[in-house]
N, C-alpha and C. Protein backbone atom coordinates (compact mmCIF):
# COMPACT_ATOMS: atom_id res chain seq x y z
N MET A 1 16.77 -12.04 -3.61
CA MET A 1 15.93 -11.05 -4.29
C MET A 1 15.18 -11.64 -5.40
N ALA A 2 14.07 -11.30 -5.71
CA ALA A 2 13.21 -11.74 -6.69
C ALA A 2 13.92 -11.47 -8.26
N SER A 3 13.57 -12.22 -9.21
CA SER A 3 14.14 -12.07 -10.53
C SER A 3 13.16 -11.11 -11.19
N ILE A 4 13.68 -10.01 -11.68
CA ILE A 4 12.87 -9.16 -12.58
C ILE A 4 13.37 -8.94 -13.94
N GLN A 5 12.68 -9.24 -15.03
CA GLN A 5 13.18 -9.04 -16.31
C GLN A 5 12.22 -7.92 -16.90
N GLU A 6 12.87 -6.85 -17.23
CA GLU A 6 12.22 -5.64 -17.79
C GLU A 6 12.59 -5.25 -19.19
N ALA A 7 11.56 -5.00 -19.99
CA ALA A 7 11.79 -4.44 -21.32
C ALA A 7 10.87 -3.24 -21.35
N PRO A 8 10.79 -2.34 -22.38
CA PRO A 8 9.98 -1.23 -22.36
C PRO A 8 8.47 -1.50 -22.25
N SER A 9 7.98 -2.54 -22.73
CA SER A 9 6.53 -2.75 -22.69
C SER A 9 6.15 -4.07 -21.94
N LYS A 10 7.18 -4.74 -21.14
CA LYS A 10 6.85 -5.93 -20.50
C LYS A 10 7.75 -6.07 -19.37
N LEU A 11 7.13 -6.55 -18.19
CA LEU A 11 8.08 -6.82 -17.00
C LEU A 11 7.62 -8.14 -16.57
N VAL A 12 8.51 -9.08 -16.20
CA VAL A 12 8.19 -10.40 -15.57
C VAL A 12 8.91 -10.41 -14.20
N LEU A 13 8.22 -10.78 -13.25
CA LEU A 13 8.77 -10.97 -11.88
C LEU A 13 8.55 -12.50 -11.71
N LYS A 14 9.70 -13.04 -11.27
CA LYS A 14 9.76 -14.48 -10.75
C LYS A 14 10.38 -14.62 -9.32
N ALA A 15 9.49 -15.20 -8.53
CA ALA A 15 9.92 -15.32 -7.06
C ALA A 15 9.19 -16.51 -6.55
N GLY A 16 10.15 -17.61 -6.36
CA GLY A 16 9.62 -18.79 -5.76
C GLY A 16 8.61 -19.52 -6.85
N SER A 17 7.40 -19.66 -6.28
CA SER A 17 6.41 -20.42 -7.06
C SER A 17 5.38 -19.33 -7.92
N THR A 18 5.83 -17.97 -7.70
CA THR A 18 4.98 -16.97 -8.41
C THR A 18 5.73 -16.43 -9.58
N THR A 19 4.86 -16.25 -10.68
CA THR A 19 5.35 -15.50 -11.88
C THR A 19 4.33 -14.46 -12.23
N LEU A 20 4.65 -13.15 -12.08
CA LEU A 20 3.84 -12.10 -12.55
C LEU A 20 4.35 -11.39 -13.78
N THR A 21 3.46 -11.23 -14.76
CA THR A 21 3.72 -10.54 -15.93
C THR A 21 2.96 -9.41 -16.29
N PHE A 22 3.58 -8.21 -16.34
CA PHE A 22 2.83 -6.94 -16.77
C PHE A 22 3.20 -6.69 -18.28
N ASP A 23 2.09 -6.40 -19.20
CA ASP A 23 2.30 -6.39 -20.38
C ASP A 23 1.52 -5.07 -20.78
N LYS A 24 2.27 -4.03 -21.04
CA LYS A 24 1.65 -2.71 -21.49
C LYS A 24 1.03 -2.74 -22.86
N ASP A 25 1.60 -3.59 -23.80
CA ASP A 25 1.02 -3.62 -25.03
C ASP A 25 -0.51 -4.19 -24.90
N SER A 26 -0.81 -5.15 -24.19
CA SER A 26 -2.06 -5.75 -23.99
C SER A 26 -2.78 -5.01 -22.87
N GLY A 27 -2.11 -4.32 -22.14
CA GLY A 27 -2.75 -3.71 -20.89
C GLY A 27 -3.25 -4.66 -19.80
N LYS A 28 -2.66 -5.77 -19.84
CA LYS A 28 -2.98 -6.94 -18.88
C LYS A 28 -1.84 -7.30 -18.00
N ALA A 29 -2.25 -7.89 -16.92
CA ALA A 29 -1.21 -8.57 -16.02
C ALA A 29 -1.78 -10.08 -16.03
N ILE A 30 -0.65 -10.97 -15.80
CA ILE A 30 -1.00 -12.40 -15.69
C ILE A 30 -0.26 -12.93 -14.39
N LEU A 31 -0.95 -13.39 -13.53
CA LEU A 31 -0.44 -13.98 -12.29
C LEU A 31 -0.51 -15.40 -12.39
N GLN A 32 0.72 -16.18 -12.24
CA GLN A 32 0.66 -17.67 -12.24
C GLN A 32 1.45 -18.10 -10.89
N GLN A 33 0.67 -19.00 -10.24
CA GLN A 33 1.28 -19.46 -8.94
C GLN A 33 1.15 -21.03 -8.94
N LYS A 34 2.06 -21.62 -8.22
CA LYS A 34 2.17 -23.02 -8.08
C LYS A 34 1.86 -23.34 -6.63
N MET A 35 0.93 -24.34 -6.44
CA MET A 35 0.66 -24.77 -4.95
C MET A 35 1.23 -26.27 -4.89
N LEU A 36 2.20 -26.44 -4.09
CA LEU A 36 2.93 -27.61 -4.00
C LEU A 36 3.32 -28.20 -5.41
N LEU A 37 2.72 -29.23 -5.90
CA LEU A 37 3.23 -29.59 -7.15
C LEU A 37 2.31 -29.29 -8.35
N TRP A 38 1.23 -28.66 -7.92
CA TRP A 38 0.21 -28.27 -9.14
C TRP A 38 0.16 -26.75 -9.31
N ASN A 39 0.05 -26.51 -10.72
CA ASN A 39 -0.07 -24.99 -11.21
C ASN A 39 -1.50 -24.76 -11.00
N LYS A 40 -1.55 -23.56 -10.28
CA LYS A 40 -2.98 -22.89 -10.21
C LYS A 40 -3.27 -22.39 -11.48
N LYS A 41 -4.61 -22.20 -11.72
CA LYS A 41 -5.07 -21.55 -13.00
C LYS A 41 -4.60 -20.13 -13.07
N PRO A 42 -3.89 -19.74 -14.26
CA PRO A 42 -3.49 -18.36 -14.33
C PRO A 42 -4.54 -17.26 -14.12
N VAL A 43 -4.20 -16.25 -13.42
CA VAL A 43 -5.26 -15.10 -13.19
C VAL A 43 -4.79 -13.97 -14.19
N GLU A 44 -5.70 -13.51 -15.02
CA GLU A 44 -5.46 -12.36 -16.00
C GLU A 44 -6.40 -11.14 -15.50
N PHE A 45 -5.87 -10.15 -15.45
CA PHE A 45 -6.66 -8.88 -15.09
C PHE A 45 -6.01 -7.57 -15.81
N PRO A 46 -6.85 -6.52 -16.11
CA PRO A 46 -6.19 -5.22 -16.62
C PRO A 46 -5.16 -4.73 -15.62
N LEU A 47 -4.21 -4.07 -16.26
CA LEU A 47 -3.18 -3.37 -15.36
C LEU A 47 -3.77 -2.28 -14.63
N SER A 48 -4.87 -1.66 -15.27
CA SER A 48 -5.59 -0.63 -14.52
C SER A 48 -6.29 -1.03 -13.15
N GLU A 49 -6.47 -2.32 -12.99
CA GLU A 49 -7.14 -2.98 -11.77
C GLU A 49 -6.20 -2.84 -10.54
N ILE A 50 -4.86 -2.65 -10.83
CA ILE A 50 -3.87 -2.68 -9.78
C ILE A 50 -4.06 -1.22 -8.99
N ASP A 51 -4.35 -1.42 -7.67
CA ASP A 51 -4.64 -0.29 -6.96
C ASP A 51 -3.36 0.15 -6.15
N ASP A 52 -2.51 -0.67 -5.74
CA ASP A 52 -1.34 -0.43 -5.04
C ASP A 52 -0.34 -1.69 -5.10
N ILE A 53 0.95 -1.39 -4.83
CA ILE A 53 1.92 -2.32 -4.75
C ILE A 53 2.76 -1.79 -3.46
N ALA A 54 2.88 -2.59 -2.55
CA ALA A 54 3.50 -2.06 -1.27
C ALA A 54 4.42 -3.16 -0.59
N VAL A 55 5.13 -2.76 0.42
CA VAL A 55 5.90 -3.67 1.32
C VAL A 55 5.06 -3.81 2.49
N LYS A 56 4.85 -5.05 2.89
CA LYS A 56 4.04 -5.43 4.19
C LYS A 56 5.14 -6.09 4.98
N SER A 57 5.42 -5.62 6.26
CA SER A 57 6.31 -6.18 7.18
C SER A 57 5.59 -6.82 8.31
N ASP A 58 6.02 -7.82 8.75
CA ASP A 58 5.51 -8.69 9.90
C ASP A 58 6.70 -9.17 10.63
N VAL A 59 6.27 -9.84 11.93
CA VAL A 59 7.45 -10.57 12.57
C VAL A 59 7.00 -12.00 12.81
N ASP A 60 7.90 -12.94 12.55
CA ASP A 60 7.66 -14.24 12.62
C ASP A 60 7.34 -14.66 14.02
N GLY A 61 6.14 -15.34 14.35
CA GLY A 61 5.68 -15.61 15.57
C GLY A 61 6.64 -16.60 16.34
N MET A 62 7.28 -17.42 15.73
CA MET A 62 8.24 -18.35 16.30
C MET A 62 9.53 -17.90 16.71
N SER A 63 10.20 -17.25 15.61
CA SER A 63 11.53 -16.80 15.80
C SER A 63 11.69 -15.22 16.16
N GLY A 64 10.67 -14.66 15.86
CA GLY A 64 10.78 -13.12 16.04
C GLY A 64 11.48 -12.44 15.08
N ALA A 65 11.73 -13.13 14.01
CA ALA A 65 12.66 -12.44 12.83
C ALA A 65 11.56 -11.61 12.06
N PRO A 66 12.06 -10.48 11.50
CA PRO A 66 11.27 -9.77 10.72
C PRO A 66 11.02 -10.32 9.35
N ILE A 67 9.94 -10.17 8.72
CA ILE A 67 9.45 -10.74 7.41
C ILE A 67 8.92 -9.61 6.53
N HIS A 68 9.54 -9.47 5.40
CA HIS A 68 9.05 -8.43 4.45
C HIS A 68 8.48 -9.08 3.11
N HIS A 69 7.20 -8.67 2.90
CA HIS A 69 6.61 -9.17 1.65
C HIS A 69 6.22 -8.07 0.67
N SER A 70 6.48 -8.18 -0.61
CA SER A 70 5.99 -7.19 -1.62
C SER A 70 4.57 -7.70 -1.90
N VAL A 71 3.62 -6.93 -1.66
CA VAL A 71 2.10 -7.25 -1.88
C VAL A 71 1.56 -6.38 -3.13
N MET A 72 0.54 -6.97 -3.80
CA MET A 72 -0.13 -6.27 -4.81
C MET A 72 -1.65 -6.13 -4.44
N HIS A 73 -2.14 -4.98 -4.39
CA HIS A 73 -3.48 -4.73 -4.00
C HIS A 73 -4.33 -4.46 -5.31
N ARG A 74 -5.41 -5.14 -5.54
CA ARG A 74 -6.30 -4.87 -6.71
C ARG A 74 -7.57 -4.14 -6.30
N ARG A 75 -8.22 -3.42 -7.17
CA ARG A 75 -9.43 -2.65 -6.85
C ARG A 75 -10.56 -3.49 -6.42
N ASN A 76 -10.58 -4.81 -6.65
CA ASN A 76 -11.58 -5.71 -6.30
C ASN A 76 -11.45 -6.23 -4.83
N GLY A 77 -10.24 -5.74 -4.15
CA GLY A 77 -10.10 -5.91 -2.72
C GLY A 77 -9.07 -7.04 -2.56
N GLU A 78 -8.75 -7.76 -3.58
CA GLU A 78 -7.80 -9.00 -3.50
C GLU A 78 -6.33 -8.45 -3.22
N ILE A 79 -5.72 -9.21 -2.31
CA ILE A 79 -4.28 -8.80 -1.89
C ILE A 79 -3.56 -10.18 -2.35
N THR A 80 -2.43 -10.01 -3.05
CA THR A 80 -1.54 -10.97 -3.39
C THR A 80 -0.14 -10.92 -2.89
N VAL A 81 0.35 -11.72 -2.12
CA VAL A 81 1.79 -11.78 -1.69
C VAL A 81 2.66 -12.18 -2.89
N LEU A 82 3.45 -11.34 -3.41
CA LEU A 82 4.41 -11.58 -4.56
C LEU A 82 5.67 -12.27 -4.14
N THR A 83 6.47 -11.52 -3.12
CA THR A 83 7.73 -12.07 -2.69
C THR A 83 7.75 -12.03 -1.17
N THR A 84 8.84 -12.72 -0.73
CA THR A 84 9.26 -12.65 0.66
C THR A 84 10.78 -12.39 0.62
N GLU A 85 11.20 -11.31 1.12
CA GLU A 85 12.62 -10.82 0.83
C GLU A 85 13.07 -10.05 2.09
N GLU A 86 14.42 -9.68 2.00
CA GLU A 86 15.00 -8.61 3.00
C GLU A 86 14.21 -7.43 2.84
N ALA A 87 14.31 -6.52 3.69
CA ALA A 87 13.64 -5.29 3.69
C ALA A 87 14.05 -4.44 2.47
N LYS A 88 15.30 -4.32 2.23
CA LYS A 88 15.83 -3.43 1.17
C LYS A 88 15.40 -4.02 -0.12
N ASP A 89 15.49 -5.38 -0.31
CA ASP A 89 15.13 -5.97 -1.64
C ASP A 89 13.67 -6.01 -1.77
N ALA A 90 12.88 -6.10 -0.80
CA ALA A 90 11.40 -6.01 -1.09
C ALA A 90 11.09 -4.50 -1.53
N ALA A 91 11.74 -3.54 -0.85
CA ALA A 91 11.56 -2.15 -1.25
C ALA A 91 11.94 -1.89 -2.62
N GLU A 92 13.07 -2.50 -3.23
CA GLU A 92 13.53 -2.27 -4.50
C GLU A 92 12.56 -2.95 -5.42
N THR A 93 11.97 -4.30 -5.19
CA THR A 93 11.05 -4.81 -5.96
C THR A 93 9.76 -4.02 -6.25
N VAL A 94 9.31 -3.49 -4.90
CA VAL A 94 8.20 -2.73 -5.12
C VAL A 94 8.24 -1.38 -5.95
N LYS A 95 9.54 -0.81 -5.90
CA LYS A 95 9.84 0.37 -6.47
C LYS A 95 9.72 0.12 -8.00
N LYS A 96 10.39 -0.92 -8.50
CA LYS A 96 10.35 -1.30 -9.82
C LYS A 96 9.06 -1.60 -10.32
N LEU A 97 8.16 -2.30 -9.76
CA LEU A 97 6.72 -2.79 -10.09
C LEU A 97 5.96 -1.50 -10.14
N ARG A 98 6.02 -0.74 -9.13
CA ARG A 98 5.17 0.55 -9.07
C ARG A 98 5.53 1.49 -10.33
N GLY A 99 6.84 1.60 -10.55
CA GLY A 99 7.20 2.41 -11.66
C GLY A 99 6.85 1.91 -12.87
N PHE A 100 6.83 0.59 -13.20
CA PHE A 100 6.45 0.12 -14.55
C PHE A 100 4.99 0.27 -14.72
N VAL A 101 4.04 0.11 -13.77
CA VAL A 101 2.59 0.32 -13.84
C VAL A 101 2.21 1.80 -13.72
N GLY A 102 3.17 2.66 -13.28
CA GLY A 102 2.71 4.13 -13.23
C GLY A 102 2.19 4.44 -12.04
N LEU A 103 2.39 3.74 -10.89
CA LEU A 103 1.84 4.21 -9.63
C LEU A 103 2.74 5.19 -8.95
N GLN A 104 2.28 6.33 -8.37
CA GLN A 104 3.10 7.33 -7.90
C GLN A 104 3.93 6.85 -6.52
N SER A 105 5.05 7.03 -6.35
CA SER A 105 5.81 6.71 -5.19
C SER A 105 5.41 7.19 -3.97
């Protein structure tokens, strides 16, 4: 399961090479990702730009195993995979993130 640190005005999700910070005080989100050994430039955007956070389920083409991702949709059309987890863990991650940013269940 992803690591989620939550305070009243700040939530930090850490999963693999992804760190996502929601900050209610500044009204912003910061997405930091690492690609192999390099840190990608952090992406900062308003919390109000988040359109949806959901679980996306797929099946691995090689093994046939189910794969569950928590994904964030932004109003500009960008979709970011945040985590890859078991189904119930992905659902719990999505529930916490949606609750923090005020998206209806």
